[in-house]
Amino acid sequence: MSKSSKEEKSNTLKRSWFQELKGEFRKITWLDKSSLARQSFAVVVSSVVLGCIIAIVDWLIQIGLNFIVG
C-alpha cells in the first residue's frame, strides 16, 4: 500500500465519521426555551439547597467535635 492510498483511506474514514456525527446531531431533540429555563432553575435551586444542608451538617459536626475534644 502506498502512502497516498493510506492517506485517502484515512481521509475517507474521517469524512465518514463526521457525516455520521452530523446525522446523529440531527436526531437530537432540543428543549424549548421555557423547559430549559425551568429545568435550569430547578438544578440551581436544588444545588443551593443541598449546599446549605451540607454546610449545616458540617457545622453541627464541628460543634460536636469541639464539644468532645474541648
C-alpha atoms as a PDB file:
ATOM      1  CA  MET A   1       0.000   0.000   0.000  1.00  0.00           C
ATOM      2  CA  SER A   2       1.401   3.351  -0.927  1.00  0.00           C
ATOM      3  CA  LYS A   3       1.298   6.395   1.253  1.00  0.00           C
ATOM      4  CA  SER A   4      -1.301   8.110  -0.879  1.00  0.00           C
ATOM      5  CA  SER A   5      -3.764   5.196  -0.634  1.00  0.00           C
ATOM      6  CA  LYS A   6      -3.313   5.132   3.157  1.00  0.00           C
ATOM      7  CA  GLU A   7      -3.959   8.870   3.297  1.00  0.00           C
ATOM      8  CA  GLU A   8      -7.038   8.521   1.075  1.00  0.00           C
ATOM      9  CA  LYS A   9      -8.390   5.736   3.286  1.00  0.00           C
ATOM     10  CA  SER A  10      -7.738   7.842   6.396  1.00  0.00           C
ATOM     11  CA  ASN A  11      -9.471  10.866   4.850  1.00  0.00           C
ATOM     12  CA  THR A  12     -12.426   8.717   3.793  1.00  0.00           C
ATOM     13  CA  LEU A  13     -12.778   7.309   7.322  1.00  0.00           C
ATOM     14  CA  LYS A  14     -12.623  10.802   8.821  1.00  0.00           C
ATOM     15  CA  ARG A  15     -15.224  12.096   6.374  1.00  0.00           C
ATOM     16  CA  SER A  16     -17.468   9.126   7.091  1.00  0.00           C
ATOM     17  CA  TRP A  17     -17.135   9.641  10.846  1.00  0.00           C
ATOM     18  CA  PHE A  18     -18.037  13.327  10.576  1.00  0.00           C
ATOM     19  CA  GLN A  19     -21.019  12.537   8.334  1.00  0.00           C
ATOM     20  CA  GLU A  20     -22.293  10.030  10.900  1.00  0.00           C
ATOM     21  CA  LEU A  21     -21.753  12.554  13.686  1.00  0.00           C
ATOM     22  CA  LYS A  22     -23.723  15.168  11.747  1.00  0.00           C
ATOM     23  CA  GLY A  23     -26.530  12.643  11.264  1.00  0.00           C
ATOM     24  CA  GLU A  24     -26.610  11.860  14.989  1.00  0.00           C
ATOM     25  CA  PHE A  25     -26.835  15.557  15.857  1.00  0.00           C
ATOM     26  CA  ARG A  26     -29.899  15.828  13.624  1.00  0.00           C
ATOM     27  CA  LYS A  27     -31.595  13.144  15.755  1.00  0.00           C
ATOM     28  CA  ILE A  28     -31.217  15.140  18.990  1.00  0.00           C
ATOM     29  CA  THR A  29     -34.402  16.703  20.290  1.00  0.00           C
ATOM     30  CA  TRP A  30     -33.540  20.031  21.825  1.00  0.00           C
ATOM     31  CA  LEU A  31     -35.604  21.564  24.624  1.00  0.00           C
ATOM     32  CA  ASP A  32     -37.609  24.712  24.066  1.00  0.00           C
ATOM     33  CA  LYS A  33     -36.561  27.833  25.985  1.00  0.00           C
ATOM     34  CA  SER A  34     -39.225  27.601  28.680  1.00  0.00           C
ATOM     35  CA  SER A  35     -38.402  23.975  29.528  1.00  0.00           C
ATOM     36  CA  LEU A  36     -34.702  24.747  29.533  1.00  0.00           C
ATOM     37  CA  ALA A  37     -35.183  27.727  31.850  1.00  0.00           C
ATOM     38  CA  ARG A  38     -37.457  25.754  34.195  1.00  0.00           C
ATOM     39  CA  GLN A  39     -35.065  22.821  34.431  1.00  0.00           C
ATOM     40  CA  SER A  40     -32.028  25.080  34.851  1.00  0.00           C
ATOM     41  CA  PHE A  41     -33.796  26.909  37.676  1.00  0.00           C
ATOM     42  CA  ALA A  42     -34.608  23.567  39.334  1.00  0.00           C
ATOM     43  CA  VAL A  43     -30.965  22.486  39.132  1.00  0.00           C
ATOM     44  CA  VAL A  44     -29.699  25.760  40.617  1.00  0.00           C
ATOM     45  CA  VAL A  45     -32.257  25.717  43.447  1.00  0.00           C
ATOM     46  CA  SER A  46     -31.592  22.072  44.314  1.00  0.00           C
ATOM     47  CA  SER A  47     -27.827  22.720  44.272  1.00  0.00           C
ATOM     48  CA  VAL A  48     -28.186  25.661  46.663  1.00  0.00           C
ATOM     49  CA  VAL A  49     -30.470  23.681  48.993  1.00  0.00           C
ATOM     50  CA  LEU A  50     -28.096  20.702  49.008  1.00  0.00           C
ATOM     51  CA  GLY A  51     -25.155  23.035  49.660  1.00  0.00           C
ATOM     52  CA  CYS A  52     -26.977  24.557  52.631  1.00  0.00           C
ATOM     53  CA  ILE A  53     -27.795  21.116  54.037  1.00  0.00           C
ATOM     54  CA  ILE A  54     -24.150  20.039  53.734  1.00  0.00           C
ATOM     55  CA  ALA A  55     -22.980  23.292  55.381  1.00  0.00           C
ATOM     56  CA  ILE A  56     -25.395  22.812  58.305  1.00  0.00           C
ATOM     57  CA  VAL A  57     -24.355  19.178  58.826  1.00  0.00           C
ATOM     58  CA  ASP A  58     -20.686  20.213  58.677  1.00  0.00           C
ATOM     59  CA  TRP A  59     -21.308  22.969  61.224  1.00  0.00           C
ATOM     60  CA  LEU A  60     -23.108  20.549  63.585  1.00  0.00           C
ATOM     61  CA  ILE A  61     -20.293  18.003  63.313  1.00  0.00           C
ATOM     62  CA  GLN A  62     -17.767  20.749  64.046  1.00  0.00           C
ATOM     63  CA  ILE A  63     -19.696  21.795  67.157  1.00  0.00           C
ATOM     64  CA  GLY A  64     -19.941  18.172  68.273  1.00  0.00           C
ATOM     65  CA  LEU A  65     -16.229  17.507  67.806  1.00  0.00           C
ATOM     66  CA  ASN A  66     -15.301  20.742  69.598  1.00  0.00           C
ATOM     67  CA  PHE A  67     -17.521  19.650  72.497  1.00  0.00           C
ATOM     68  CA  ILE A  68     -15.882  16.185  72.643  1.00  0.00           C
ATOM     69  CA  VAL A  69     -12.281  17.417  72.249  1.00  0.00           C
ATOM     70  CA  GLY A  70     -12.514  20.758  74.042  1.00  0.00           C
END
